């Protein structure tokens, strides 16, 4: 089973550098963005981001709502769901403006 997608890794590295350098995010904030992207990729079986469709986000949102926290064994908190989905929204909004990803719409990020 594939554990990564080379194109996705390159664009994620570029995005995380953008967050750190241009947006001046702290290391924990950059790590949170990386974790959100990792969760989405694992759910999506490491499909190329160029093949993104908003229905993937809807299905991921449902999947995430059913997940249980490792420590407590209870469903993920609404704050965790919100933070994860917000990070993904920001990423796909940024990605829609990148060369080679023009097939993504800004509205797909929402």
N, C-alpha and C. Protein backbone atom coordinates (compact mmCIF):
# COMPACT_ATOMS: atom_id res chain seq x y z
N UNK A 1 0.84 -1.19 0.00
CA UNK A 1 0.00 0.00 0.00
C UNK A 1 0.89 1.25 0.00
N UNK A 2 0.53 2.20 -0.84
CA UNK A 2 1.30 3.43 -0.97
C UNK A 2 1.20 4.25 0.31
N UNK A 3 2.33 4.75 0.77
CA UNK A 3 2.35 5.57 1.97
C UNK A 3 2.55 7.05 1.66
N UNK A 4 2.74 7.38 0.39
CA UNK A 4 2.88 8.78 0.01
C UNK A 4 2.69 8.93 -1.50
N UNK A 5 2.52 10.15 -1.92
CA UNK A 5 2.44 10.52 -3.32
C UNK A 5 3.49 11.59 -3.52
N UNK A 6 4.44 11.36 -4.41
CA UNK A 6 5.57 12.27 -4.57
C UNK A 6 5.14 13.69 -4.92
N UNK A 7 4.17 13.83 -5.83
CA UNK A 7 3.70 15.17 -6.20
C UNK A 7 3.06 15.87 -5.01
N UNK A 8 2.27 15.12 -4.25
CA UNK A 8 1.64 15.70 -3.07
C UNK A 8 2.68 16.13 -2.05
N UNK A 9 3.72 15.34 -1.88
CA UNK A 9 4.76 15.69 -0.92
C UNK A 9 5.45 16.99 -1.30
N UNK A 10 5.70 17.18 -2.60
CA UNK A 10 6.34 18.41 -3.06
C UNK A 10 5.46 19.63 -2.80
N UNK A 11 4.17 19.51 -3.12
CA UNK A 11 3.29 20.65 -2.95
C UNK A 11 3.03 20.92 -1.46
N UNK A 12 2.99 19.87 -0.65
CA UNK A 12 2.83 20.06 0.80
C UNK A 12 4.04 20.77 1.38
N UNK A 13 5.23 20.39 0.94
CA UNK A 13 6.45 21.05 1.42
C UNK A 13 6.43 22.53 1.06
N UNK A 14 5.99 22.84 -0.14
CA UNK A 14 5.89 24.23 -0.58
C UNK A 14 4.87 24.99 0.28
N UNK A 15 3.74 24.35 0.56
CA UNK A 15 2.70 24.99 1.37
C UNK A 15 3.16 25.22 2.80
N UNK A 16 3.80 24.23 3.39
CA UNK A 16 4.26 24.38 4.77
C UNK A 16 5.34 25.45 4.88
N UNK A 17 6.19 25.57 3.85
CA UNK A 17 7.18 26.65 3.83
C UNK A 17 6.47 28.01 3.70
N UNK A 18 5.42 28.05 2.91
CA UNK A 18 4.62 29.27 2.76
C UNK A 18 4.02 29.69 4.11
N UNK A 19 3.48 28.72 4.84
CA UNK A 19 2.90 29.04 6.14
C UNK A 19 3.96 29.59 7.10
N UNK A 20 5.12 28.96 7.08
CA UNK A 20 6.17 29.35 8.02
C UNK A 20 6.80 30.69 7.65
N UNK A 21 7.10 30.87 6.37
CA UNK A 21 7.84 32.07 5.96
C UNK A 21 6.93 33.25 5.62
N UNK A 22 5.92 33.03 4.80
CA UNK A 22 5.07 34.15 4.36
C UNK A 22 4.01 34.50 5.39
N UNK A 23 3.39 33.50 5.96
CA UNK A 23 2.33 33.73 6.93
C UNK A 23 2.84 33.84 8.36
N UNK A 24 4.10 33.47 8.55
CA UNK A 24 4.78 33.56 9.85
C UNK A 24 4.10 32.73 10.93
N UNK A 25 3.63 31.54 10.55
CA UNK A 25 3.03 30.62 11.51
C UNK A 25 4.10 30.03 12.41
N UNK A 26 3.74 29.72 13.63
CA UNK A 26 4.67 29.08 14.56
C UNK A 26 4.81 27.60 14.18
N UNK A 27 5.83 26.95 14.72
CA UNK A 27 6.06 25.53 14.44
C UNK A 27 4.84 24.67 14.80
N UNK A 28 4.23 24.87 15.98
CA UNK A 28 3.05 24.06 16.30
C UNK A 28 1.90 24.25 15.29
N UNK A 29 1.74 25.46 14.77
CA UNK A 29 0.69 25.72 13.79
C UNK A 29 1.00 25.04 12.46
N UNK A 30 2.25 25.06 12.07
CA UNK A 30 2.67 24.38 10.84
C UNK A 30 2.49 22.87 11.01
N UNK A 31 2.83 22.37 12.18
CA UNK A 31 2.65 20.94 12.46
C UNK A 31 1.18 20.55 12.42
N UNK A 32 0.31 21.41 12.91
CA UNK A 32 -1.13 21.13 12.88
C UNK A 32 -1.63 21.04 11.44
N UNK A 33 -1.13 21.93 10.59
CA UNK A 33 -1.50 21.89 9.17
C UNK A 33 -1.00 20.60 8.53
N UNK A 34 0.22 20.20 8.85
CA UNK A 34 0.78 18.97 8.30
C UNK A 34 -0.01 17.75 8.76
N UNK A 35 -0.44 17.75 10.01
CA UNK A 35 -1.22 16.63 10.53
C UNK A 35 -2.59 16.54 9.85
N UNK A 36 -3.22 17.68 9.62
CA UNK A 36 -4.51 17.70 8.95
C UNK A 36 -4.37 17.16 7.52
N UNK A 37 -3.33 17.59 6.83
CA UNK A 37 -3.09 17.10 5.47
C UNK A 37 -2.80 15.61 5.46
N UNK A 38 -2.06 15.16 6.44
CA UNK A 38 -1.73 13.74 6.53
C UNK A 38 -2.99 12.90 6.75
N UNK A 39 -3.87 13.37 7.62
CA UNK A 39 -5.13 12.65 7.87
C UNK A 39 -5.96 12.56 6.59
N UNK A 40 -6.03 13.67 5.86
CA UNK A 40 -6.82 13.69 4.64
C UNK A 40 -6.21 12.76 3.59
N UNK A 41 -4.91 12.80 3.45
CA UNK A 41 -4.25 11.94 2.47
C UNK A 41 -4.43 10.46 2.80
N UNK A 42 -4.27 10.11 4.05
CA UNK A 42 -4.43 8.72 4.45
C UNK A 42 -5.86 8.25 4.16
N UNK A 43 -6.84 9.08 4.47
CA UNK A 43 -8.23 8.73 4.18
C UNK A 43 -8.44 8.56 2.68
N UNK A 44 -7.82 9.43 1.91
CA UNK A 44 -8.00 9.46 0.46
C UNK A 44 -7.08 8.48 -0.28
N UNK A 45 -6.36 7.67 0.47
CA UNK A 45 -5.44 6.69 -0.09
C UNK A 45 -4.36 7.32 -0.97
N UNK A 46 -3.91 8.50 -0.57
CA UNK A 46 -2.78 9.18 -1.19
C UNK A 46 -3.01 9.51 -2.66
N UNK A 47 -4.27 9.79 -3.03
CA UNK A 47 -4.57 10.21 -4.39
C UNK A 47 -3.96 11.58 -4.61
N UNK A 48 -3.61 11.86 -5.85
CA UNK A 48 -3.03 13.14 -6.23
C UNK A 48 -4.01 14.27 -5.91
N UNK A 49 -3.49 15.36 -5.38
CA UNK A 49 -4.34 16.51 -5.07
C UNK A 49 -4.97 17.09 -6.33
N UNK A 50 -4.37 16.86 -7.48
CA UNK A 50 -4.95 17.36 -8.73
C UNK A 50 -6.29 16.69 -9.01
N UNK A 51 -6.53 15.53 -8.45
CA UNK A 51 -7.78 14.80 -8.65
C UNK A 51 -8.81 15.15 -7.57
N UNK A 52 -8.55 16.18 -6.79
CA UNK A 52 -9.44 16.56 -5.69
C UNK A 52 -10.81 16.95 -6.21
N UNK A 53 -11.83 16.52 -5.50
CA UNK A 53 -13.20 16.90 -5.77
C UNK A 53 -13.86 17.18 -4.43
N UNK A 54 -14.75 18.15 -4.39
CA UNK A 54 -15.34 18.55 -3.10
C UNK A 54 -16.05 17.40 -2.40
N UNK A 55 -16.51 16.41 -3.14
CA UNK A 55 -17.18 15.26 -2.51
C UNK A 55 -16.22 14.48 -1.62
N UNK A 56 -14.92 14.52 -1.93
CA UNK A 56 -13.92 13.88 -1.07
C UNK A 56 -13.91 14.57 0.28
N UNK A 57 -14.03 15.87 0.29
CA UNK A 57 -14.02 16.62 1.54
C UNK A 57 -15.27 16.32 2.37
N UNK A 58 -16.40 16.20 1.71
CA UNK A 58 -17.64 15.88 2.41
C UNK A 58 -17.54 14.50 3.06
N UNK A 59 -17.03 13.53 2.30
CA UNK A 59 -16.87 12.17 2.83
C UNK A 59 -15.85 12.15 3.96
N UNK A 60 -14.76 12.92 3.82
CA UNK A 60 -13.74 12.97 4.86
C UNK A 60 -14.31 13.58 6.14
N UNK A 61 -15.15 14.60 5.98
CA UNK A 61 -15.77 15.24 7.14
C UNK A 61 -16.61 14.23 7.92
N UNK A 62 -17.38 13.43 7.21
CA UNK A 62 -18.19 12.39 7.87
C UNK A 62 -17.29 11.35 8.54
N UNK A 63 -16.24 10.95 7.83
CA UNK A 63 -15.29 9.96 8.36
C UNK A 63 -14.65 10.49 9.64
N UNK A 64 -14.22 11.73 9.61
CA UNK A 64 -13.55 12.34 10.76
C UNK A 64 -14.49 12.42 11.96
N UNK A 65 -15.76 12.69 11.72
CA UNK A 65 -16.74 12.80 12.81
C UNK A 65 -16.94 11.46 13.51
N UNK A 66 -16.65 10.37 12.83
CA UNK A 66 -16.82 9.04 13.41
C UNK A 66 -15.57 8.52 14.11
N UNK A 67 -14.44 9.19 13.91
CA UNK A 67 -13.18 8.74 14.49
C UNK A 67 -13.16 8.92 16.00
N UNK A 68 -12.38 8.08 16.65
CA UNK A 68 -12.24 8.16 18.10
C UNK A 68 -10.84 8.65 18.46
N UNK A 69 -10.78 9.42 19.52
CA UNK A 69 -9.49 9.92 20.01
C UNK A 69 -8.69 8.76 20.58
N UNK A 70 -7.39 8.78 20.38
CA UNK A 70 -6.55 7.68 20.85
C UNK A 70 -6.47 7.64 22.37
N UNK A 71 -6.41 8.79 23.00
CA UNK A 71 -6.26 8.82 24.46
C UNK A 71 -7.53 8.46 25.20
N UNK A 72 -8.63 9.10 24.83
CA UNK A 72 -9.87 8.91 25.59
C UNK A 72 -10.76 7.80 25.04
N UNK A 73 -10.62 7.50 23.76
CA UNK A 73 -11.47 6.49 23.15
C UNK A 73 -12.84 7.04 22.78
N UNK A 74 -13.05 8.32 23.00
CA UNK A 74 -14.32 8.96 22.64
C UNK A 74 -14.17 9.62 21.28
N UNK A 75 -15.30 10.02 20.71
CA UNK A 75 -15.26 10.69 19.42
C UNK A 75 -14.42 11.96 19.52
N UNK A 76 -13.82 12.34 18.39
CA UNK A 76 -13.02 13.55 18.36
C UNK A 76 -13.89 14.75 18.74
N UNK A 77 -13.29 15.68 19.43
CA UNK A 77 -14.04 16.86 19.85
C UNK A 77 -14.39 17.73 18.65
N UNK A 78 -15.39 18.56 18.84
CA UNK A 78 -15.79 19.47 17.76
C UNK A 78 -14.67 20.46 17.46
N UNK A 79 -13.89 20.81 18.46
CA UNK A 79 -12.76 21.72 18.24
C UNK A 79 -11.72 21.07 17.33
N UNK A 80 -11.46 19.78 17.53
CA UNK A 80 -10.51 19.06 16.69
C UNK A 80 -11.03 18.96 15.26
N UNK A 81 -12.32 18.65 15.13
CA UNK A 81 -12.92 18.58 13.80
C UNK A 81 -12.81 19.92 13.09
N UNK A 82 -13.16 20.98 13.80
CA UNK A 82 -13.12 22.32 13.22
C UNK A 82 -11.70 22.71 12.82
N UNK A 83 -10.75 22.47 13.69
CA UNK A 83 -9.36 22.84 13.40
C UNK A 83 -8.82 22.07 12.20
N UNK A 84 -9.11 20.78 12.13
CA UNK A 84 -8.64 19.96 11.01
C UNK A 84 -9.25 20.43 9.70
N UNK A 85 -10.55 20.64 9.70
CA UNK A 85 -11.24 21.05 8.47
C UNK A 85 -10.84 22.47 8.05
N UNK A 86 -10.59 23.33 9.01
CA UNK A 86 -10.14 24.69 8.69
C UNK A 86 -8.76 24.66 8.04
N UNK A 87 -7.87 23.82 8.56
CA UNK A 87 -6.54 23.69 7.96
C UNK A 87 -6.64 23.19 6.52
N UNK A 88 -7.51 22.21 6.28
CA UNK A 88 -7.69 21.69 4.93
C UNK A 88 -8.30 22.74 4.00
N UNK A 89 -9.24 23.50 4.52
CA UNK A 89 -9.86 24.55 3.73
C UNK A 89 -8.81 25.57 3.28
N UNK A 90 -7.95 25.99 4.19
CA UNK A 90 -6.90 26.94 3.87
C UNK A 90 -5.95 26.37 2.83
N UNK A 91 -5.60 25.09 2.98
CA UNK A 91 -4.69 24.46 2.03
C UNK A 91 -5.29 24.42 0.63
N UNK A 92 -6.52 23.96 0.50
CA UNK A 92 -7.11 23.84 -0.83
C UNK A 92 -7.40 25.20 -1.45
N UNK A 93 -7.67 26.19 -0.63
CA UNK A 93 -7.82 27.55 -1.15
C UNK A 93 -6.49 28.03 -1.72
N UNK A 94 -5.40 27.80 -0.98
CA UNK A 94 -4.06 28.15 -1.46
C UNK A 94 -3.72 27.36 -2.72
N UNK A 95 -4.04 26.06 -2.71
CA UNK A 95 -3.69 25.17 -3.82
C UNK A 95 -4.40 25.59 -5.11
N UNK A 96 -5.62 26.09 -5.01
CA UNK A 96 -6.37 26.51 -6.20
C UNK A 96 -5.66 27.62 -6.97
N UNK A 97 -4.80 28.36 -6.31
CA UNK A 97 -4.07 29.43 -6.96
C UNK A 97 -2.70 29.03 -7.48
N UNK A 98 -2.32 27.80 -7.29
CA UNK A 98 -0.99 27.34 -7.69
C UNK A 98 -0.99 26.84 -9.14
N UNK A 99 0.13 27.05 -9.85
CA UNK A 99 0.23 26.55 -11.22
C UNK A 99 0.05 25.03 -11.26
N UNK A 100 -0.72 24.57 -12.23
CA UNK A 100 -0.96 23.14 -12.38
C UNK A 100 -2.17 22.65 -11.61
N UNK A 101 -2.75 23.51 -10.79
CA UNK A 101 -3.91 23.13 -9.98
C UNK A 101 -5.09 24.05 -10.29
N UNK A 102 -5.09 24.64 -11.46
CA UNK A 102 -6.13 25.60 -11.84
C UNK A 102 -7.50 24.94 -12.02
N UNK A 103 -7.52 23.59 -12.11
CA UNK A 103 -8.80 22.90 -12.23
C UNK A 103 -9.58 22.92 -10.91
N UNK A 104 -8.91 23.28 -9.82
CA UNK A 104 -9.58 23.41 -8.53
C UNK A 104 -10.25 24.78 -8.47
N UNK A 105 -11.44 24.81 -7.94
CA UNK A 105 -12.15 26.08 -7.75
C UNK A 105 -11.97 26.54 -6.32
N UNK A 106 -11.96 27.84 -6.15
CA UNK A 106 -11.88 28.38 -4.80
C UNK A 106 -13.08 27.94 -3.97
N UNK A 107 -14.22 27.79 -4.60
CA UNK A 107 -15.42 27.38 -3.88
C UNK A 107 -15.31 25.91 -3.42
N UNK A 108 -14.49 25.11 -4.11
CA UNK A 108 -14.29 23.72 -3.68
C UNK A 108 -13.63 23.65 -2.31
N UNK A 109 -12.85 24.65 -1.98
CA UNK A 109 -12.18 24.68 -0.68
C UNK A 109 -13.19 24.87 0.45
N UNK A 110 -14.23 25.61 0.17
CA UNK A 110 -15.26 25.82 1.20
C UNK A 110 -16.05 24.56 1.42
